Amino acid sequence: MMSSIKYVLLGLIIGAGIAFFWFNRQMKTEKIEDGEILVERIKAVKKLIVTEGYFSELYSYKEADKYFYDLISFEKKALLVVKGKAEVSYDLSKMDYAVDEKNKIITLVNVPAPEITVQPEIKYYNLEEHTFNTFAIDDYNKLNAQAVSRLKKKVEKSELVEMARNELERTLNDIQIVGKELGWKIVIPKT
C-alpha cells in the first residue's frame, strides 16, 4: 500500500511538472511594435531666431459637477507642471527691401513683427477624479491648450520680446557694417 502511494505521488509530481512546462511553453508573450515616420511636408523658411527663453509654470485645475442644489458634488483635480522653450523670431521672407544698384544702396522698407513660438512640455501630477466625474481625452486636450495659452501670455508679458527687438537691431547693425565693408549702404528703418 505504501509503495502504491509513492507511485501515485511520484506520478502526480511528474504530471504537475509536465503540465507546468506545457503551460509555460504555451503562454509565450509576443510583442510586435511597428511604427513609420512619414514626412508630411518640408518647407524652406527664412526665420531669424534672435532670443530664446525657458519658462515654467505650475498650473492647478479643479472642476466639480454639483447636483441637488449643490448638496452633492463630484470633483476632479489636476496639477500640471508646464515647462516651455519660447523663441522669438523674425520671418525674413516677409521683409521688404529696395535695391538701388547704381548708388549701391539697400533700403529695408518693412521689418516684420516678431513671432513667438512655444514648445511646451506638460507633465501631469496629482490627478484626482471621482467615479462619476472622470477625465476624458477632451479634458486633457483642453487642459493642454489652456496651459500652452497661459504660458504664451506669460512669454508675451516678459522682457523676451523687448530683448528680441534689441537683438534684431544689433544684427541689423552688423549687416550695415558688412555692407559698408563691401561698398554698399544699408538703410534700416527705426523699429
Protein backbone atom coordinates (compact mmCIF):
# COMPACT_ATOMS: atom_id res chain seq x y z
CA MET A 1 0.00 0.00 0.00
CA MET A 2 2.80 2.38 0.92
CA SER A 3 4.59 1.69 -2.33
CA SER A 4 1.44 2.41 -4.38
CA ILE A 5 1.03 5.79 -2.61
CA LYS A 6 4.66 6.54 -3.51
CA TYR A 7 3.94 5.75 -7.15
CA VAL A 8 0.78 7.89 -7.12
CA LEU A 9 2.64 10.84 -5.53
CA LEU A 10 5.53 10.36 -7.95
CA GLY A 11 3.05 10.29 -10.84
CA LEU A 12 1.32 13.46 -9.58
CA ILE A 13 4.65 15.28 -9.23
CA ILE A 14 5.77 14.23 -12.70
CA GLY A 15 2.34 15.14 -14.13
CA ALA A 16 2.41 18.54 -12.42
CA GLY A 17 5.92 19.16 -13.77
CA ILE A 18 4.87 18.22 -17.32
CA ALA A 19 1.74 20.41 -17.04
CA PHE A 20 3.81 23.31 -15.71
CA PHE A 21 6.30 23.12 -18.58
CA TRP A 22 3.48 22.61 -21.10
CA PHE A 23 1.56 25.72 -19.99
CA ASN A 24 4.70 27.84 -19.74
CA ARG A 25 5.56 26.85 -23.28
CA GLN A 26 2.03 27.73 -24.40
CA MET A 27 1.91 31.12 -22.64
CA LYS A 28 4.61 32.93 -24.55
CA THR A 29 4.11 36.66 -24.85
CA GLU A 30 4.81 38.06 -28.25
CA LYS A 31 5.12 41.79 -28.72
CA ILE A 32 5.05 43.37 -32.11
CA GLU A 33 5.68 47.07 -32.35
CA ASP A 34 5.56 48.87 -35.62
CA GLY A 35 5.94 52.49 -36.50
CA GLU A 36 6.62 54.50 -39.57
CA ILE A 37 7.73 58.07 -39.84
CA LEU A 38 6.13 59.87 -42.70
CA VAL A 39 7.33 63.22 -43.91
CA GLU A 40 4.22 65.27 -44.42
CA ARG A 41 5.78 68.43 -45.66
CA ILE A 42 9.16 70.08 -45.89
CA LYS A 43 9.22 73.81 -46.26
CA ALA A 44 12.08 76.25 -46.64
CA VAL A 45 11.90 79.03 -44.10
CA LYS A 46 13.81 82.23 -43.69
CA LYS A 47 13.47 82.89 -39.99
CA LEU A 48 15.91 84.64 -37.77
CA ILE A 49 15.61 83.42 -34.20
CA VAL A 50 17.00 86.18 -32.05
CA THR A 51 16.11 85.12 -28.50
CA GLU A 52 15.16 82.02 -26.57
CA GLY A 53 13.66 81.80 -23.14
CA TYR A 54 12.81 78.93 -20.85
CA PHE A 55 9.67 79.22 -18.77
CA SER A 56 7.85 77.04 -16.29
CA GLU A 57 4.52 77.27 -14.56
CA LEU A 58 2.61 75.28 -12.01
CA TYR A 59 -0.99 75.07 -13.23
CA SER A 60 -3.79 73.87 -10.97
CA TYR A 61 -7.18 72.76 -12.33
CA LYS A 62 -10.31 71.87 -10.41
CA GLU A 63 -13.81 71.08 -11.69
CA ALA A 64 -16.86 69.90 -9.78
CA ASP A 65 -20.17 68.53 -11.00
CA LYS A 66 -22.81 69.56 -8.48
CA TYR A 67 -26.29 68.10 -8.03
CA PHE A 68 -29.34 68.63 -5.84
CA TYR A 69 -28.84 72.35 -5.20
CA ASP A 70 -25.10 71.88 -4.66
CA LEU A 71 -25.58 69.36 -1.88
CA ILE A 72 -23.70 66.62 -3.73
CA SER A 73 -20.56 67.32 -5.71
CA PHE A 74 -18.14 65.15 -7.63
CA GLU A 75 -14.72 66.77 -8.11
CA LYS A 76 -11.80 66.19 -10.36
CA LYS A 77 -8.46 67.91 -9.92
CA ALA A 78 -5.19 68.07 -11.76
CA LEU A 79 -1.84 69.63 -11.08
CA LEU A 80 0.27 70.34 -14.15
CA VAL A 81 3.87 71.38 -14.47
CA VAL A 82 4.25 73.24 -17.74
CA LYS A 83 7.76 73.90 -18.99
CA GLY A 84 8.40 75.50 -22.30
CA LYS A 85 11.04 76.82 -24.58
CA ALA A 86 9.94 80.09 -26.16
CA GLU A 87 11.57 81.52 -29.24
CA VAL A 88 11.15 84.98 -30.68
CA SER A 89 11.93 85.10 -34.37
CA TYR A 90 11.50 87.30 -37.41
CA ASP A 91 10.27 85.90 -40.71
CA LEU A 92 12.72 87.34 -43.20
CA SER A 93 10.56 86.28 -46.14
CA LYS A 94 8.08 88.98 -45.00
CA MET A 95 10.79 91.64 -45.02
CA ASP A 96 10.51 94.11 -47.88
CA TYR A 97 13.55 95.87 -49.28
CA ALA A 98 14.52 98.04 -52.24
CA VAL A 99 17.83 97.79 -54.06
CA ASP A 100 19.44 100.73 -55.85
CA GLU A 101 22.30 99.08 -57.72
CA LYS A 102 23.52 102.33 -59.30
CA ASN A 103 24.13 104.03 -55.95
CA LYS A 104 24.77 100.74 -54.10
CA ILE A 105 22.01 101.33 -51.53
CA ILE A 106 19.80 98.66 -49.98
CA THR A 107 16.82 100.05 -48.10
CA LEU A 108 14.86 97.84 -45.77
CA VAL A 109 11.29 99.01 -46.26
CA ASN A 110 9.45 96.81 -43.82
CA VAL A 111 10.71 94.83 -40.85
CA PRO A 112 8.11 92.19 -39.88
CA ALA A 113 6.61 91.85 -36.43
CA PRO A 114 8.20 89.32 -34.10
CA GLU A 115 6.73 85.83 -33.95
CA ILE A 116 6.58 83.89 -30.71
CA THR A 117 6.63 80.10 -30.72
CA VAL A 118 6.35 77.96 -27.62
CA GLN A 119 7.46 74.35 -27.44
CA PRO A 120 5.76 73.05 -24.31
CA GLU A 121 6.45 70.03 -22.16
CA ILE A 122 3.47 69.21 -19.96
CA LYS A 123 3.56 66.75 -17.09
CA TYR A 124 0.53 65.79 -15.04
CA TYR A 125 0.84 65.31 -11.30
CA ASN A 126 -1.71 64.57 -8.64
CA LEU A 127 -4.67 63.60 -10.80
CA GLU A 128 -7.72 63.11 -8.64
CA GLU A 129 -11.06 62.12 -10.09
CA HIS A 130 -14.34 60.80 -8.81
CA THR A 131 -16.11 57.74 -10.17
CA PHE A 132 -18.87 59.96 -11.55
CA ASN A 133 -16.59 62.75 -12.81
CA THR A 134 -13.54 61.43 -14.64
CA PHE A 135 -11.05 62.95 -17.03
CA ALA A 136 -11.77 62.30 -20.71
CA ILE A 137 -9.46 62.83 -23.68
CA ASP A 138 -11.20 66.14 -24.42
CA ASP A 139 -10.42 67.30 -20.87
CA TYR A 140 -6.71 66.58 -21.36
CA ASN A 141 -6.73 68.40 -24.71
CA LYS A 142 -8.50 71.38 -23.12
CA LEU A 143 -6.03 71.44 -20.21
CA ASN A 144 -3.07 71.26 -22.60
CA ALA A 145 -4.44 74.11 -24.73
CA GLN A 146 -5.12 76.28 -21.67
CA ALA A 147 -1.67 75.59 -20.24
CA VAL A 148 0.06 76.50 -23.52
CA SER A 149 -2.09 79.63 -23.86
CA ARG A 150 -1.21 80.74 -20.33
CA LEU A 151 2.49 80.09 -21.00
CA LYS A 152 2.36 82.08 -24.26
CA LYS A 153 0.72 85.04 -22.47
CA LYS A 154 3.44 84.83 -19.83
CA VAL A 155 6.09 84.97 -22.57
CA GLU A 156 4.39 87.96 -24.24
CA LYS A 157 4.39 89.88 -20.94
CA SER A 158 8.03 89.07 -20.23
CA GLU A 159 11.05 91.05 -21.39
CA LEU A 160 11.79 88.41 -24.04
CA VAL A 161 10.10 90.40 -26.84
CA GLU A 162 11.98 93.58 -25.94
CA MET A 163 15.23 91.62 -25.81
CA ALA A 164 14.39 90.27 -29.28
CA ARG A 165 13.95 93.80 -30.67
CA ASN A 166 17.30 94.83 -29.23
CA GLU A 167 18.99 91.75 -30.64
CA LEU A 168 17.42 92.37 -34.07
CA GLU A 169 18.77 95.92 -34.03
CA ARG A 170 22.26 94.60 -33.19
CA THR A 171 22.02 92.06 -36.00
CA LEU A 172 20.86 94.70 -38.50
CA ASN A 173 23.71 96.97 -37.35
CA ASP A 174 26.12 94.11 -38.05
CA ILE A 175 24.62 93.81 -41.55
CA GLN A 176 25.19 97.56 -42.05
CA ILE A 177 28.85 97.14 -41.10
CA VAL A 178 29.28 94.21 -43.51
CA GLY A 179 27.51 96.16 -46.26
CA LYS A 180 29.78 99.15 -45.66
CA GLU A 181 32.86 96.91 -45.94
CA LEU A 182 31.55 95.69 -49.30
CA GLY A 183 30.90 99.23 -50.51
CA TRP A 184 27.12 99.19 -50.02
CA LYS A 185 25.00 101.44 -47.84
CA ILE A 186 22.21 99.69 -45.97
CA VAL A 187 19.37 101.87 -44.73
CA ILE A 188 17.37 100.41 -41.87
CA PRO A 189 14.13 101.97 -40.59
CA LYS A 190 13.83 102.52 -36.86
CA THR A 191 11.91 99.66 -35.24
